[in-house]
């Protein structure tokens, strides 16, 4: 299964990005669009894009999605793959073309 169990209900997807300033707005707008899509899916408790305002570290954009369960994650994966195909959007190519460095993963509260 995809992800890690936080409790009996909740899973967290945290994706961190190093986004060059020249493409920051373009990248954030695309992430906001994708998060809006995720918010409408069953089992999505929240989906947000965070942009760093101050502090050390290289990551300056984060997306955070909270899921109710593994089934919701699997369903969302299928929906998003179909959406990407319909829109001819390749997330890996998009980030590569913009020079964005990504660190993607599922997390649990410890």
N, C-alpha and C. Protein backbone atom coordinates (compact mmCIF):
# COMPACT_ATOMS: atom_id res chain seq x y z
N UNK A 1 0.84 -1.19 0.00
CA UNK A 1 0.00 0.00 0.00
C UNK A 1 0.88 1.25 0.00
N UNK A 2 0.32 2.35 -0.42
CA UNK A 2 1.02 3.62 -0.47
C UNK A 2 0.87 4.31 0.87
N UNK A 3 1.95 4.84 1.41
CA UNK A 3 1.83 5.71 2.58
C UNK A 3 2.09 5.03 3.90
N UNK A 4 2.03 5.82 4.95
CA UNK A 4 2.23 5.37 6.32
C UNK A 4 1.02 5.74 7.14
N UNK A 5 0.65 4.86 8.05
CA UNK A 5 -0.49 5.15 8.90
C UNK A 5 -0.07 6.07 10.04
N UNK A 6 -0.79 7.16 10.22
CA UNK A 6 -0.56 8.08 11.33
C UNK A 6 -1.37 7.61 12.53
N UNK A 7 -2.62 7.34 12.32
CA UNK A 7 -3.49 6.72 13.29
C UNK A 7 -4.40 5.81 12.48
N UNK A 8 -5.52 5.42 13.00
CA UNK A 8 -6.40 4.54 12.25
C UNK A 8 -7.02 5.22 11.03
N UNK A 9 -6.91 6.52 10.92
CA UNK A 9 -7.59 7.25 9.87
C UNK A 9 -6.68 8.04 8.93
N UNK A 10 -5.70 8.74 9.46
CA UNK A 10 -5.05 9.83 8.74
C UNK A 10 -3.68 9.46 8.17
N UNK A 11 -3.42 9.88 6.93
CA UNK A 11 -2.11 9.76 6.29
C UNK A 11 -1.68 11.14 5.80
N UNK A 12 -0.38 11.41 5.79
CA UNK A 12 0.14 12.71 5.38
C UNK A 12 1.09 12.55 4.20
N UNK A 13 0.86 13.35 3.16
CA UNK A 13 1.79 13.41 2.04
C UNK A 13 2.44 14.78 2.11
N UNK A 14 3.77 14.79 2.20
CA UNK A 14 4.53 16.03 2.28
C UNK A 14 5.53 16.03 1.13
N UNK A 15 5.40 17.00 0.25
CA UNK A 15 6.34 17.16 -0.85
C UNK A 15 7.04 18.49 -0.68
N UNK A 16 8.38 18.45 -0.67
CA UNK A 16 9.19 19.65 -0.47
C UNK A 16 9.93 19.97 -1.77
N UNK A 17 10.03 21.26 -2.06
CA UNK A 17 10.64 21.68 -3.32
C UNK A 17 11.61 22.84 -3.11
N UNK A 18 12.69 22.81 -3.88
CA UNK A 18 13.59 23.96 -4.01
C UNK A 18 13.24 24.56 -5.37
N UNK A 19 12.62 25.75 -5.33
CA UNK A 19 12.12 26.38 -6.55
C UNK A 19 12.91 27.65 -6.83
N UNK A 20 13.54 27.73 -8.01
CA UNK A 20 14.25 28.97 -8.36
C UNK A 20 13.29 30.17 -8.36
N UNK A 21 13.76 31.29 -7.92
CA UNK A 21 12.93 32.49 -7.81
C UNK A 21 12.29 32.86 -9.14
N UNK A 22 12.99 32.69 -10.24
CA UNK A 22 12.48 33.08 -11.56
C UNK A 22 11.22 32.31 -11.96
N UNK A 23 11.01 31.11 -11.42
CA UNK A 23 9.84 30.30 -11.80
C UNK A 23 8.92 30.05 -10.60
N UNK A 24 9.18 30.74 -9.50
CA UNK A 24 8.43 30.50 -8.27
C UNK A 24 6.92 30.67 -8.47
N UNK A 25 6.50 31.77 -9.06
CA UNK A 25 5.07 32.04 -9.25
C UNK A 25 4.43 30.99 -10.14
N UNK A 26 5.07 30.64 -11.23
CA UNK A 26 4.55 29.63 -12.15
C UNK A 26 4.39 28.29 -11.45
N UNK A 27 5.40 27.91 -10.69
CA UNK A 27 5.36 26.63 -9.99
C UNK A 27 4.26 26.61 -8.92
N UNK A 28 4.19 27.66 -8.13
CA UNK A 28 3.18 27.73 -7.06
C UNK A 28 1.77 27.71 -7.65
N UNK A 29 1.54 28.41 -8.73
CA UNK A 29 0.21 28.41 -9.36
C UNK A 29 -0.19 27.01 -9.80
N UNK A 30 0.74 26.26 -10.37
CA UNK A 30 0.44 24.88 -10.79
C UNK A 30 0.17 24.01 -9.58
N UNK A 31 0.93 24.16 -8.51
CA UNK A 31 0.71 23.37 -7.31
C UNK A 31 -0.65 23.70 -6.68
N UNK A 32 -1.02 24.97 -6.68
CA UNK A 32 -2.32 25.37 -6.15
C UNK A 32 -3.45 24.73 -6.96
N UNK A 33 -3.31 24.72 -8.26
CA UNK A 33 -4.29 24.10 -9.14
C UNK A 33 -4.44 22.61 -8.81
N UNK A 34 -3.31 21.92 -8.65
CA UNK A 34 -3.36 20.50 -8.35
C UNK A 34 -3.95 20.23 -6.96
N UNK A 35 -3.62 21.06 -5.99
CA UNK A 35 -4.17 20.90 -4.64
C UNK A 35 -5.67 21.13 -4.63
N UNK A 36 -6.16 22.08 -5.44
CA UNK A 36 -7.60 22.30 -5.54
C UNK A 36 -8.30 21.05 -6.05
N UNK A 37 -7.69 20.38 -7.00
CA UNK A 37 -8.25 19.13 -7.53
C UNK A 37 -8.29 18.07 -6.44
N UNK A 38 -7.19 17.94 -5.70
CA UNK A 38 -7.14 16.93 -4.63
C UNK A 38 -8.19 17.19 -3.56
N UNK A 39 -8.41 18.45 -3.20
CA UNK A 39 -9.39 18.80 -2.16
C UNK A 39 -10.79 18.29 -2.48
N UNK A 40 -11.09 18.17 -3.75
CA UNK A 40 -12.43 17.73 -4.15
C UNK A 40 -12.60 16.22 -4.14
N UNK A 41 -11.52 15.49 -3.93
CA UNK A 41 -11.59 14.03 -3.97
C UNK A 41 -12.04 13.44 -2.63
N UNK A 42 -12.80 12.36 -2.68
CA UNK A 42 -13.23 11.70 -1.43
C UNK A 42 -12.01 11.26 -0.61
N UNK A 43 -12.07 11.50 0.68
CA UNK A 43 -11.00 11.08 1.57
C UNK A 43 -9.90 12.10 1.77
N UNK A 44 -9.94 13.20 1.03
CA UNK A 44 -8.94 14.26 1.22
C UNK A 44 -9.44 15.19 2.32
N UNK A 45 -8.71 15.22 3.42
CA UNK A 45 -9.10 16.07 4.55
C UNK A 45 -8.63 17.50 4.34
N UNK A 46 -7.46 17.68 3.73
CA UNK A 46 -6.95 19.00 3.39
C UNK A 46 -5.82 18.86 2.39
N UNK A 47 -5.60 19.93 1.63
CA UNK A 47 -4.51 19.97 0.65
C UNK A 47 -4.08 21.42 0.53
N UNK A 48 -2.81 21.67 0.84
CA UNK A 48 -2.32 23.04 0.88
C UNK A 48 -0.95 23.18 0.23
N UNK A 49 -0.69 24.38 -0.24
CA UNK A 49 0.62 24.76 -0.75
C UNK A 49 1.19 25.79 0.21
N UNK A 50 2.40 25.56 0.68
CA UNK A 50 3.06 26.47 1.61
C UNK A 50 4.28 27.06 0.92
N UNK A 51 4.47 28.35 1.08
CA UNK A 51 5.64 29.03 0.53
C UNK A 51 6.40 29.66 1.69
N UNK A 52 7.69 29.38 1.75
CA UNK A 52 8.51 29.88 2.86
C UNK A 52 8.57 31.40 2.84
N UNK A 53 8.40 32.00 4.01
CA UNK A 53 8.50 33.45 4.13
C UNK A 53 9.78 33.87 4.83
N UNK A 54 10.34 32.98 5.64
CA UNK A 54 11.63 33.26 6.27
C UNK A 54 12.17 31.99 6.88
N UNK A 55 13.46 31.99 7.20
CA UNK A 55 14.09 30.84 7.83
C UNK A 55 15.16 30.22 6.96
N UNK A 56 15.98 29.41 7.59
CA UNK A 56 17.09 28.74 6.91
C UNK A 56 16.59 27.49 6.18
N UNK A 57 17.42 26.93 5.36
CA UNK A 57 17.09 25.72 4.63
C UNK A 57 16.82 25.99 3.17
N UNK A 58 16.99 24.97 2.36
CA UNK A 58 16.87 25.16 0.92
C UNK A 58 15.45 25.03 0.38
N UNK A 59 14.59 24.29 1.05
CA UNK A 59 13.24 24.08 0.53
C UNK A 59 12.40 25.33 0.75
N UNK A 60 11.76 25.81 -0.34
CA UNK A 60 10.99 27.05 -0.23
C UNK A 60 9.52 26.91 -0.60
N UNK A 61 9.13 25.72 -1.04
CA UNK A 61 7.72 25.42 -1.30
C UNK A 61 7.44 24.01 -0.79
N UNK A 62 6.30 23.86 -0.10
CA UNK A 62 5.89 22.55 0.40
C UNK A 62 4.42 22.35 0.07
N UNK A 63 4.07 21.14 -0.33
CA UNK A 63 2.66 20.78 -0.43
C UNK A 63 2.38 19.76 0.66
N UNK A 64 1.23 19.89 1.29
CA UNK A 64 0.84 19.02 2.40
C UNK A 64 -0.59 18.56 2.17
N UNK A 65 -0.78 17.25 2.10
CA UNK A 65 -2.11 16.68 1.88
C UNK A 65 -2.38 15.67 2.99
N UNK A 66 -3.55 15.79 3.61
CA UNK A 66 -3.98 14.86 4.64
C UNK A 66 -5.06 13.95 4.06
N UNK A 67 -4.85 12.64 4.19
CA UNK A 67 -5.79 11.65 3.65
C UNK A 67 -6.41 10.85 4.79
N UNK A 68 -7.65 10.45 4.59
CA UNK A 68 -8.35 9.66 5.60
C UNK A 68 -7.83 8.23 5.70
N UNK A 69 -7.48 7.63 4.54
CA UNK A 69 -7.06 6.23 4.57
C UNK A 69 -6.32 5.86 3.29
N UNK A 70 -5.81 4.63 3.29
CA UNK A 70 -5.04 4.14 2.14
C UNK A 70 -5.89 4.08 0.87
N UNK A 71 -7.16 3.71 1.01
CA UNK A 71 -8.04 3.61 -0.16
C UNK A 71 -8.20 4.97 -0.83
N UNK A 72 -8.31 6.02 -0.05
CA UNK A 72 -8.44 7.37 -0.61
C UNK A 72 -7.18 7.75 -1.38
N UNK A 73 -6.03 7.37 -0.85
CA UNK A 73 -4.76 7.66 -1.52
C UNK A 73 -4.70 6.93 -2.86
N UNK A 74 -5.04 5.66 -2.86
CA UNK A 74 -5.00 4.86 -4.09
C UNK A 74 -5.97 5.42 -5.12
N UNK A 75 -7.18 5.78 -4.69
CA UNK A 75 -8.16 6.35 -5.61
C UNK A 75 -7.67 7.68 -6.18
N UNK A 76 -7.10 8.51 -5.32
CA UNK A 76 -6.59 9.81 -5.77
C UNK A 76 -5.46 9.63 -6.78
N UNK A 77 -4.59 8.66 -6.54
CA UNK A 77 -3.50 8.39 -7.47
C UNK A 77 -4.06 8.08 -8.86
N UNK A 78 -5.08 7.24 -8.92
CA UNK A 78 -5.69 6.88 -10.20
C UNK A 78 -6.33 8.09 -10.88
N UNK A 79 -7.06 8.88 -10.11
CA UNK A 79 -7.72 10.07 -10.65
C UNK A 79 -6.68 11.05 -11.20
N UNK A 80 -5.62 11.27 -10.44
CA UNK A 80 -4.61 12.23 -10.88
C UNK A 80 -3.84 11.73 -12.10
N UNK A 81 -3.56 10.44 -12.18
CA UNK A 81 -2.89 9.91 -13.36
C UNK A 81 -3.75 10.13 -14.61
N UNK A 82 -5.06 9.92 -14.48
CA UNK A 82 -5.97 10.15 -15.59
C UNK A 82 -6.00 11.63 -15.97
N UNK A 83 -6.05 12.50 -14.95
CA UNK A 83 -6.06 13.95 -15.19
C UNK A 83 -4.79 14.39 -15.92
N UNK A 84 -3.65 13.87 -15.46
CA UNK A 84 -2.37 14.22 -16.10
C UNK A 84 -2.37 13.77 -17.56
N UNK A 85 -2.89 12.58 -17.83
CA UNK A 85 -2.93 12.08 -19.20
C UNK A 85 -3.84 12.96 -20.06
N UNK A 86 -5.01 13.32 -19.54
CA UNK A 86 -5.94 14.16 -20.29
C UNK A 86 -5.36 15.53 -20.58
N UNK A 87 -4.63 16.08 -19.61
CA UNK A 87 -4.05 17.42 -19.76
C UNK A 87 -2.65 17.39 -20.37
N UNK A 88 -2.17 16.20 -20.69
CA UNK A 88 -0.82 16.03 -21.23
C UNK A 88 0.22 16.72 -20.33
N UNK A 89 0.09 16.44 -19.02
CA UNK A 89 0.97 17.04 -18.02
C UNK A 89 1.81 15.95 -17.39
N UNK A 90 3.12 16.14 -17.39
CA UNK A 90 4.05 15.20 -16.77
C UNK A 90 4.71 15.93 -15.60
N UNK A 91 4.34 15.60 -14.36
CA UNK A 91 4.89 16.31 -13.20
C UNK A 91 6.42 16.27 -13.12
N UNK A 92 7.01 15.12 -13.44
CA UNK A 92 8.47 15.01 -13.38
C UNK A 92 9.13 15.92 -14.41
N UNK A 93 8.57 15.96 -15.61
CA UNK A 93 9.12 16.82 -16.66
C UNK A 93 8.91 18.29 -16.31
N UNK A 94 7.76 18.62 -15.74
CA UNK A 94 7.46 19.99 -15.33
C UNK A 94 8.51 20.49 -14.34
N UNK A 95 8.77 19.71 -13.30
CA UNK A 95 9.75 20.15 -12.29
C UNK A 95 11.16 20.19 -12.88
N UNK A 96 11.50 19.20 -13.72
CA UNK A 96 12.82 19.18 -14.33
C UNK A 96 13.03 20.40 -15.22
N UNK A 97 12.02 20.71 -16.05
CA UNK A 97 12.14 21.83 -16.99
C UNK A 97 12.29 23.17 -16.26
N UNK A 98 11.68 23.29 -15.08
CA UNK A 98 11.78 24.53 -14.32
C UNK A 98 13.02 24.58 -13.42
N UNK A 99 13.76 23.50 -13.37
CA UNK A 99 14.94 23.46 -12.51
C UNK A 99 14.60 23.31 -11.04
N UNK A 100 13.47 22.66 -10.76
CA UNK A 100 13.00 22.47 -9.39
C UNK A 100 13.55 21.16 -8.85
N UNK A 101 14.03 21.20 -7.62
CA UNK A 101 14.49 20.00 -6.92
C UNK A 101 13.36 19.55 -5.99
N UNK A 102 13.01 18.24 -6.03
CA UNK A 102 11.89 17.74 -5.24
C UNK A 102 12.31 16.65 -4.28
N UNK A 103 11.66 16.62 -3.12
CA UNK A 103 11.80 15.57 -2.12
C UNK A 103 10.36 15.19 -1.74
N UNK A 104 9.89 14.03 -2.21
CA UNK A 104 8.50 13.65 -2.10
C UNK A 104 8.35 12.46 -1.15
N UNK A 105 7.28 12.47 -0.34
CA UNK A 105 7.08 11.30 0.50
C UNK A 105 5.88 11.36 1.40
N UNK A 106 5.57 10.21 1.99
CA UNK A 106 4.53 10.08 2.98
C UNK A 106 5.18 10.12 4.36
N UNK A 107 4.49 10.73 5.30
CA UNK A 107 5.01 10.91 6.66
C UNK A 107 3.99 10.47 7.69
N UNK A 108 4.48 10.20 8.88
CA UNK A 108 3.60 9.91 10.01
C UNK A 108 4.01 10.77 11.20
N UNK A 109 3.06 11.06 12.03
CA UNK A 109 3.34 11.79 13.26
C UNK A 109 3.94 10.81 14.25
N UNK A 110 5.04 11.19 14.87
CA UNK A 110 5.70 10.30 15.84
C UNK A 110 5.70 10.91 17.22
